[in-house]
Amino acid sequence: MLFETVFEKFVQESPASVMVRALLENILQPGPLDELFERTATVQYTERLLFSSVVDVMGLVVTGFFKSPHAVHHRHSEMFAVTLKCFYEKLQGIELPVMQAMVRETTTRLQAINVELGGNAPALLPGYRVKILDGNALAGTEHRIKELRSLAAGALPGKTLGVLDPQLGLIVDVFPCEDGHAQERSLLEPVLATVQAGDLWIEDRNFCTLGFISGVAARRAGILVREHKGLPWQALSALRYVGRTASGDVWEQEVEIEVTAAHDQAELGEVLKLRRLVIKLNKPTRDGETEVVLLTNVWNVEALTLAQLYLERWRIETAFQVLTDTLVCEQARLGYPKAALFAFCVTILAYNLLATVKAALAAVHGAAVVD
C-alpha cells in the first residue's frame, strides 16, 4: 500500500521519470540481453561476467554519469563480477554482430511500444517505409593503449552507418566497421542485404553508386539519393521545368544507368531508367554549391514532393548530433575499435529510449509541445 502511494505520486507529478524507468527495466532486462549474446557471439563466451552487466556499465558511461568504466568501478564495484582488467578485456572483444543485434532487437521491442502508444509520426511518403542512411566516423581517441603511444595523430577507432526510421524516430539499424578510415560506400553491401520491397532509401551522394542504386531497385524498393559527379548516366530527355519549392526551382529529366557489376538481384549490363531532379537553389550552400541534383527510381510521386522529401535527410544528422552532444557516443578513452563501437551502439540504445519517451508524450500533448 505504501509503495502504491509513492508510485502514484510519481505517476501524477513526474510521469516522464516513470516512463524512463519502465522503459529501462523493459528493454534492459538481463535475460533477453544475455540470451542475445549466447545466440550471436562466436568467439567470446560467458563465464562470470554477463553481457547484460557490460551493457549496464556502459550505459552509465554513455549517458554521462561517469567518464569511464574505471570511474564506475571506483564508485560501484558491486556491479563487477570480475576484475576491472577482465572487464576491459571483455569490452574490447565484443563482436560486431553482437552489438548490431543488440540495436536491432531492442529497437524492435521499442517499435512495438511506439505503435501501441500511437506515438508514430505521420508517414513522410504514404505507401513507402522511408529509411534515411548516413555514416558517422568516431573521433580520434587518446593515446592510452600501447599501440597508439607512438602515433602523433588521434587514432580513429571506427566508423558506422546508421539507418533512421523518421516515422518511428528510431535508429533501427547500425553497421559498425573497425576501420575508421574506410570509405562509407565500402560498407554498403551488408546494408543492401536489408533492403525490402516498399522501402524508400534516402542518402547523401557518398552512397550514390551503380551497385547500390541498381540493387535497391532490383529489390522493388525506392531510392532518393544525391547525385555523385562520378556516376555515369545517359540522358533520355532534356531538362524541363516542373515548379518551385521553398529551396528553389526544380527541373527534371529522364536518364539511364548501366549495371557494371552483377550481384544477386541485378544482371551485368542491365539498364535502369531513373528520374534526375535538379534543384537550382535560391542561395548557395555553405560549400558554395548552387544546385542539388537527385536521382530516384520513384515514378508515381511528383518531382516537387520528392525534392522537398530529400530535405528530411537532416533528421539523421540531428540524431547523430544528439548522440555526440547530449549523450557521449565518442569515448576518447576507448582506443580499441570494438570497445569504442560498442559504446556507440549503447548510445544508440539510449537515444532510442529517449525517442520512445518523446513519442509517448507526443501522442498526448502533440509533437510541437514535446519538441
Protein backbone atom coordinates (compact mmCIF):
# COMPACT_ATOMS: atom_id res chain seq x y z
CA MET A 1 0.00 0.00 0.00
CA LEU A 2 2.80 2.41 0.89
CA PHE A 3 4.56 1.65 -2.40
CA GLU A 4 1.37 2.30 -4.35
CA THR A 5 1.02 5.71 -2.71
CA VAL A 6 4.61 6.68 -3.52
CA PHE A 7 4.39 5.31 -7.05
CA GLU A 8 1.13 7.11 -7.76
CA LYS A 9 2.69 10.39 -6.65
CA PHE A 10 5.47 9.96 -9.20
CA VAL A 11 2.95 9.00 -11.91
CA GLN A 12 1.00 12.18 -11.30
CA GLU A 13 3.83 14.64 -10.73
CA SER A 14 6.75 13.22 -12.74
CA PRO A 15 5.34 10.91 -15.43
CA ALA A 16 8.43 11.19 -17.66
CA SER A 17 10.59 9.77 -14.86
CA VAL A 18 8.23 6.81 -14.52
CA MET A 19 8.23 6.19 -18.27
CA VAL A 20 12.02 6.26 -18.46
CA ARG A 21 12.34 3.86 -15.54
CA ALA A 22 9.74 1.49 -17.00
CA LEU A 23 11.44 1.50 -20.41
CA LEU A 24 14.86 0.89 -18.89
CA GLU A 25 13.59 -2.10 -16.94
CA ASN A 26 11.76 -3.42 -20.00
CA ILE A 27 14.41 -3.01 -22.68
CA LEU A 28 17.47 -3.71 -20.50
CA GLN A 29 16.19 -6.91 -18.91
CA PRO A 30 19.25 -9.10 -18.31
CA GLY A 31 17.61 -12.28 -19.61
CA PRO A 32 16.98 -11.21 -23.23
CA LEU A 33 20.34 -9.41 -23.47
CA ASP A 34 22.28 -12.43 -22.19
CA GLU A 35 20.31 -14.77 -24.46
CA LEU A 36 21.11 -12.50 -27.41
CA PHE A 37 24.81 -12.72 -26.57
CA GLU A 38 24.77 -16.53 -26.28
CA ARG A 39 22.97 -16.79 -29.61
CA THR A 40 25.11 -14.29 -31.53
CA ALA A 41 28.66 -14.43 -30.16
CA THR A 42 31.04 -16.87 -31.82
CA VAL A 43 34.37 -16.04 -30.14
CA GLN A 44 33.55 -14.71 -26.70
CA TYR A 45 31.68 -16.69 -24.09
CA THR A 46 30.08 -16.11 -20.70
CA GLU A 47 31.92 -17.27 -17.61
CA ARG A 48 31.39 -14.86 -14.72
CA LEU A 49 30.79 -11.56 -16.49
CA LEU A 50 27.36 -11.33 -18.11
CA PHE A 51 26.83 -9.35 -21.31
CA SER A 52 23.94 -7.51 -19.64
CA SER A 53 26.34 -6.30 -16.95
CA VAL A 54 28.64 -4.80 -19.60
CA VAL A 55 25.63 -3.02 -21.12
CA ASP A 56 24.66 -1.65 -17.69
CA VAL A 57 28.13 -0.26 -17.02
CA MET A 58 28.49 1.30 -20.46
CA GLY A 59 25.00 2.77 -20.14
CA LEU A 60 26.23 4.80 -17.16
CA VAL A 61 29.20 5.98 -19.21
CA VAL A 62 27.47 6.97 -22.47
CA THR A 63 24.74 8.87 -20.62
CA GLY A 64 27.39 10.98 -18.91
CA PHE A 65 27.01 9.84 -15.30
CA PHE A 66 30.59 8.51 -15.28
CA LYS A 67 33.55 9.27 -17.54
CA SER A 68 34.76 5.68 -17.91
CA PRO A 69 34.19 2.08 -16.76
CA HIS A 70 37.07 2.70 -14.33
CA ALA A 71 35.06 5.52 -12.72
CA VAL A 72 32.01 3.25 -12.44
CA HIS A 73 34.15 0.58 -10.80
CA HIS A 74 35.51 3.11 -8.31
CA ARG A 75 32.02 4.07 -7.17
CA HIS A 76 30.08 0.83 -7.77
CA SER A 77 32.46 -2.10 -7.56
CA GLU A 78 29.48 -4.35 -6.74
CA MET A 79 28.46 -4.12 -10.42
CA PHE A 80 31.63 -6.00 -11.45
CA ALA A 81 31.74 -9.77 -11.11
CA VAL A 82 35.36 -9.76 -12.37
CA THR A 83 38.40 -7.52 -12.06
CA LEU A 84 38.45 -4.24 -13.94
CA LYS A 85 41.17 -5.64 -16.22
CA CYS A 86 38.94 -8.57 -17.18
CA PHE A 87 36.06 -6.18 -17.79
CA TYR A 88 38.13 -4.14 -20.24
CA GLU A 89 39.28 -7.32 -21.99
CA LYS A 90 35.64 -8.32 -22.44
CA LEU A 91 34.70 -4.84 -23.65
CA GLN A 92 37.43 -4.64 -26.27
CA GLY A 93 36.49 -8.03 -27.70
CA ILE A 94 32.72 -7.73 -28.16
CA GLU A 95 31.95 -8.88 -31.69
CA LEU A 96 30.33 -6.59 -34.26
CA PRO A 97 27.34 -8.91 -34.92
CA VAL A 98 26.56 -8.88 -31.18
CA MET A 99 26.35 -5.10 -30.96
CA GLN A 100 24.39 -4.91 -34.20
CA ALA A 101 21.89 -7.50 -32.92
CA MET A 102 21.55 -5.54 -29.66
CA VAL A 103 20.49 -2.42 -31.58
CA ARG A 104 18.14 -4.31 -33.90
CA GLU A 105 16.36 -6.37 -31.27
CA THR A 106 15.92 -3.63 -28.68
CA THR A 107 14.63 -1.33 -31.43
CA THR A 108 12.07 -3.94 -32.49
CA ARG A 109 10.72 -4.00 -28.95
CA LEU A 110 10.64 -0.20 -28.74
CA GLN A 111 8.88 -0.05 -32.10
CA ALA A 112 6.09 -2.23 -30.72
CA ILE A 113 5.72 0.16 -27.78
CA ASN A 114 5.58 3.17 -30.10
CA VAL A 115 2.86 1.57 -32.21
CA GLU A 116 0.82 0.60 -29.15
CA LEU A 117 1.03 4.12 -27.71
CA GLY A 118 0.17 5.74 -31.03
CA GLY A 119 3.30 7.84 -30.91
CA ASN A 120 4.39 7.37 -34.53
CA ALA A 121 4.79 10.50 -36.63
CA PRO A 122 2.78 10.75 -39.89
CA ALA A 123 4.37 8.91 -42.81
CA LEU A 124 6.69 11.15 -44.81
CA LEU A 125 5.55 9.49 -48.04
CA PRO A 126 2.39 7.33 -47.80
CA GLY A 127 2.87 3.93 -49.36
CA TYR A 128 6.60 3.76 -48.55
CA ARG A 129 8.67 2.90 -45.47
CA VAL A 130 11.15 5.77 -45.53
CA LYS A 131 14.66 4.99 -44.25
CA ILE A 132 17.46 7.54 -44.05
CA LEU A 133 21.05 6.28 -44.30
CA ASP A 134 24.14 8.16 -43.20
CA GLY A 135 27.64 7.49 -41.94
CA ASN A 136 29.40 8.55 -38.76
CA ALA A 137 33.13 8.41 -38.04
CA LEU A 138 34.11 8.20 -34.37
CA ALA A 139 36.50 10.95 -33.30
CA GLY A 140 40.15 10.27 -32.54
CA THR A 141 40.94 8.75 -29.15
CA GLU A 142 43.57 9.40 -26.52
CA HIS A 143 46.89 7.54 -26.65
CA ARG A 144 46.21 5.40 -23.60
CA ILE A 145 46.86 1.97 -25.09
CA LYS A 146 50.35 0.86 -26.05
CA GLU A 147 49.61 0.54 -29.77
CA LEU A 148 48.75 4.24 -30.03
CA ARG A 149 51.55 5.82 -27.99
CA SER A 150 53.92 6.22 -30.93
CA LEU A 151 51.32 7.99 -33.10
CA ALA A 152 51.09 11.77 -33.28
CA ALA A 153 47.51 11.96 -34.54
CA GLY A 154 44.47 10.72 -32.66
CA ALA A 155 43.55 7.25 -33.91
CA LEU A 156 40.07 6.86 -35.42
CA PRO A 157 38.60 3.81 -33.64
CA GLY A 158 35.86 3.04 -36.11
CA LYS A 159 33.09 4.07 -38.45
CA THR A 160 29.39 3.23 -38.61
CA LEU A 161 26.46 3.51 -40.96
CA GLY A 162 23.17 4.24 -39.24
CA VAL A 163 19.60 3.84 -40.51
CA LEU A 164 16.90 6.17 -39.17
CA ASP A 165 13.17 5.46 -39.47
CA PRO A 166 11.77 9.02 -39.36
CA GLN A 167 8.21 7.87 -38.73
CA LEU A 168 9.27 5.97 -35.61
CA GLY A 169 12.00 8.44 -34.70
CA LEU A 170 14.28 5.47 -34.02
CA ILE A 171 17.70 4.44 -35.31
CA VAL A 172 16.60 1.00 -36.44
CA ASP A 173 19.88 -0.44 -37.67
CA VAL A 174 23.63 0.11 -37.44
CA PHE A 175 26.55 -1.26 -39.47
CA PRO A 176 29.80 -0.94 -37.46
CA CYS A 177 33.26 -1.11 -39.03
CA GLU A 178 36.60 -1.27 -37.19
CA ASP A 179 38.43 0.65 -39.92
CA GLY A 180 37.91 4.32 -39.06
CA HIS A 181 39.37 5.36 -42.44
CA ALA A 182 37.15 3.13 -44.59
CA GLN A 183 35.05 4.78 -47.31
CA GLU A 184 31.37 4.80 -46.43
CA ARG A 185 30.42 3.26 -49.76
CA SER A 186 32.62 0.25 -48.98
CA LEU A 187 30.15 -0.65 -46.22
CA LEU A 188 27.08 -0.72 -48.48
CA GLU A 189 26.95 -4.45 -49.24
CA PRO A 190 25.51 -5.50 -45.84
CA VAL A 191 23.11 -2.54 -45.99
CA LEU A 192 21.82 -3.71 -49.36
CA ALA A 193 21.04 -7.12 -47.86
CA THR A 194 18.50 -5.46 -45.53
CA VAL A 195 16.57 -3.59 -48.25
CA GLN A 196 12.94 -4.72 -48.54
CA ALA A 197 10.22 -4.13 -51.11
CA GLY A 198 8.30 -0.97 -50.29
CA ASP A 199 11.26 0.83 -48.68
CA LEU A 200 12.37 4.28 -49.79
CA TRP A 201 16.04 4.89 -49.01
CA ILE A 202 17.26 8.50 -48.76
CA GLU A 203 21.02 9.10 -48.82
CA ASP A 204 23.70 11.67 -49.50
CA ARG A 205 25.99 11.43 -52.54
CA ASN A 206 28.55 9.27 -50.70
CA PHE A 207 26.16 6.37 -51.27
CA CYS A 208 25.43 7.14 -54.94
CA THR A 209 26.90 4.03 -56.58
CA LEU A 210 25.75 1.93 -59.51
CA GLY A 211 25.68 -1.19 -57.36
CA PHE A 212 23.58 0.27 -54.56
CA ILE A 213 21.09 2.06 -56.83
CA SER A 214 20.55 -1.00 -59.03
CA GLY A 215 20.45 -3.32 -56.01
CA VAL A 216 17.75 -1.26 -54.28
CA ALA A 217 15.70 -1.09 -57.48
CA ALA A 218 16.04 -4.83 -58.07
CA ARG A 219 14.56 -5.46 -54.62
CA ARG A 220 11.47 -3.44 -55.62
CA ALA A 221 12.39 -0.62 -53.27
CA GLY A 222 12.77 3.09 -53.92
CA ILE A 223 15.85 5.27 -53.69
CA LEU A 224 16.28 9.05 -53.45
CA VAL A 225 19.97 9.88 -53.50
CA ARG A 226 22.02 12.97 -54.20
CA GLU A 227 23.96 12.53 -57.44
CA HIS A 228 27.69 11.88 -57.26
CA LYS A 229 29.52 13.55 -60.14
CA GLY A 230 31.43 10.35 -60.80
CA LEU A 231 28.28 8.33 -61.56
CA PRO A 232 27.92 7.69 -65.32
CA TRP A 233 24.45 8.21 -66.81
CA GLN A 234 22.94 8.73 -70.23
CA ALA A 235 20.28 11.40 -70.81
CA LEU A 236 17.00 10.19 -72.33
CA SER A 237 15.31 13.60 -72.32
CA ALA A 238 16.17 17.26 -71.87
CA LEU A 239 15.70 19.08 -68.57
CA ARG A 240 12.22 20.54 -68.17
CA TYR A 241 10.96 22.97 -65.55
CA VAL A 242 8.41 21.42 -63.15
CA GLY A 243 7.90 24.06 -60.46
CA ARG A 244 9.27 25.74 -57.40
CA THR A 245 9.83 24.77 -53.76
CA ALA A 246 10.94 26.88 -50.81
CA SER A 247 14.55 25.92 -51.66
CA GLY A 248 14.48 26.86 -55.32
CA ASP A 249 13.38 25.97 -58.85
CA VAL A 250 13.07 22.28 -59.75
CA TRP A 251 13.88 20.76 -63.14
CA GLU A 252 13.51 17.14 -64.23
CA GLN A 253 14.77 14.77 -66.91
CA GLU A 254 14.90 11.02 -67.58
CA VAL A 255 18.26 9.25 -67.59
CA GLU A 256 19.53 5.68 -67.63
CA ILE A 257 22.43 3.88 -65.99
CA GLU A 258 24.01 0.55 -66.87
CA VAL A 259 24.81 -2.07 -64.23
CA THR A 260 28.55 -2.71 -64.45
CA ALA A 261 28.81 -5.44 -61.78
CA ALA A 262 26.44 -8.35 -61.41
CA HIS A 263 25.08 -9.28 -57.99
CA ASP A 264 22.29 -11.40 -56.56
CA GLN A 265 19.48 -9.15 -57.83
CA ALA A 266 20.84 -7.37 -60.92
CA GLU A 267 22.42 -8.67 -64.13
CA LEU A 268 25.59 -7.33 -65.70
CA GLY A 269 24.71 -4.88 -68.48
CA GLU A 270 21.15 -4.34 -67.28
CA VAL A 271 19.84 -0.83 -67.97
CA LEU A 272 17.92 1.07 -65.31
CA LYS A 273 15.86 4.19 -66.02
CA LEU A 274 15.87 6.95 -63.41
CA ARG A 275 14.48 10.42 -62.83
CA ARG A 276 17.08 13.16 -62.42
CA LEU A 277 15.90 16.18 -60.43
CA VAL A 278 17.91 19.42 -60.48
CA ILE A 279 17.12 21.92 -57.72
CA LYS A 280 18.51 25.36 -58.57
CA LEU A 281 18.91 26.86 -55.11
CA ASN A 282 17.77 30.28 -54.03
CA LYS A 283 21.06 30.72 -52.21
CA PRO A 284 24.28 28.67 -52.33
CA THR A 285 25.05 26.00 -49.77
CA ARG A 286 27.80 26.56 -47.20
CA ASP A 287 30.12 24.80 -49.68
CA GLY A 288 29.21 27.30 -52.39
CA GLU A 289 27.08 24.90 -54.45
CA THR A 290 24.20 26.45 -56.39
CA GLU A 291 22.45 23.20 -57.34
CA VAL A 292 21.38 19.98 -55.64
CA VAL A 293 20.90 17.08 -58.06
CA LEU A 294 18.91 13.99 -57.08
CA LEU A 295 18.41 10.59 -58.67
CA THR A 296 15.38 8.42 -57.98
CA ASN A 297 13.55 5.38 -59.33
CA VAL A 298 10.21 6.54 -57.85
CA TRP A 299 7.88 7.43 -60.73
CA ASN A 300 4.48 7.75 -59.05
CA VAL A 301 5.34 10.80 -56.91
CA GLU A 302 5.55 14.40 -58.11
CA ALA A 303 9.03 15.83 -58.55
CA LEU A 304 8.32 18.73 -56.17
CA THR A 305 7.28 16.29 -53.46
CA LEU A 306 10.49 14.29 -53.86
CA ALA A 307 12.62 17.44 -53.86
CA GLN A 308 11.01 18.50 -50.60
CA LEU A 309 11.29 14.99 -49.16
CA TYR A 310 15.08 14.93 -49.61
CA LEU A 311 15.34 17.77 -47.11
CA GLU A 312 14.21 15.32 -44.42
CA ARG A 313 17.71 13.81 -44.55
CA TRP A 314 18.70 16.36 -41.90
CA ARG A 315 16.86 14.23 -39.34
CA ILE A 316 19.61 11.62 -39.14
CA GLU A 317 22.28 14.33 -38.88
CA THR A 318 20.32 15.75 -35.94
CA ALA A 319 20.19 12.27 -34.39
CA PHE A 320 23.97 11.93 -34.69
CA GLN A 321 24.35 15.36 -33.11
CA VAL A 322 22.25 14.23 -30.12
CA LEU A 323 24.40 11.09 -29.85
CA THR A 324 27.52 13.28 -29.69
CA ASP A 325 26.42 16.37 -27.76
CA THR A 326 23.60 15.26 -25.45
CA LEU A 327 24.84 11.72 -24.97
CA VAL A 328 28.51 10.66 -25.14
CA CYS A 329 28.85 8.33 -28.14
CA GLU A 330 32.53 9.18 -28.70
CA GLN A 331 34.62 7.78 -25.87
CA ALA A 332 38.10 9.32 -26.06
CA ARG A 333 39.43 6.81 -23.52
CA LEU A 334 38.44 3.75 -25.57
CA GLY A 335 41.13 3.27 -28.21
CA TYR A 336 40.27 -0.34 -29.07
CA PRO A 337 37.86 -0.31 -32.04
CA LYS A 338 35.37 -2.88 -30.72
CA ALA A 339 35.15 -1.12 -27.35
CA ALA A 340 34.54 2.27 -28.99
CA LEU A 341 31.98 0.85 -31.41
CA PHE A 342 30.14 -0.96 -28.63
CA ALA A 343 29.92 2.30 -26.66
CA PHE A 344 28.45 3.94 -29.76
CA CYS A 345 25.82 1.19 -30.06
CA VAL A 346 24.85 1.50 -26.39
CA THR A 347 24.44 5.24 -27.03
CA ILE A 348 22.03 4.42 -29.87
CA LEU A 349 20.07 2.31 -27.41
CA ALA A 350 19.87 5.29 -25.03
CA TYR A 351 18.84 7.59 -27.91
CA ASN A 352 16.04 5.21 -28.91
CA LEU A 353 14.78 5.07 -25.33
CA LEU A 354 14.64 8.86 -25.30
CA ALA A 355 12.87 8.90 -28.68
CA THR A 356 10.25 6.46 -27.37
CA VAL A 357 9.53 8.65 -24.35
CA LYS A 358 9.18 11.66 -26.66
CA ALA A 359 6.80 9.71 -28.93
CA ALA A 360 4.66 8.70 -25.95
CA LEU A 361 4.46 12.30 -24.77
CA ALA A 362 3.71 13.50 -28.31
CA ALA A 363 0.77 11.09 -28.54
CA VAL A 364 -0.84 13.02 -25.66
CA HIS A 365 0.48 16.57 -25.93
CA GLY A 366 1.40 16.86 -29.61
CA ALA A 367 4.81 16.89 -31.28
CA ALA A 368 5.19 20.68 -31.17
CA VAL A 369 4.86 20.80 -27.37
CA VAL A 370 7.30 17.93 -26.86
CA ASP A 371 9.90 19.42 -29.24
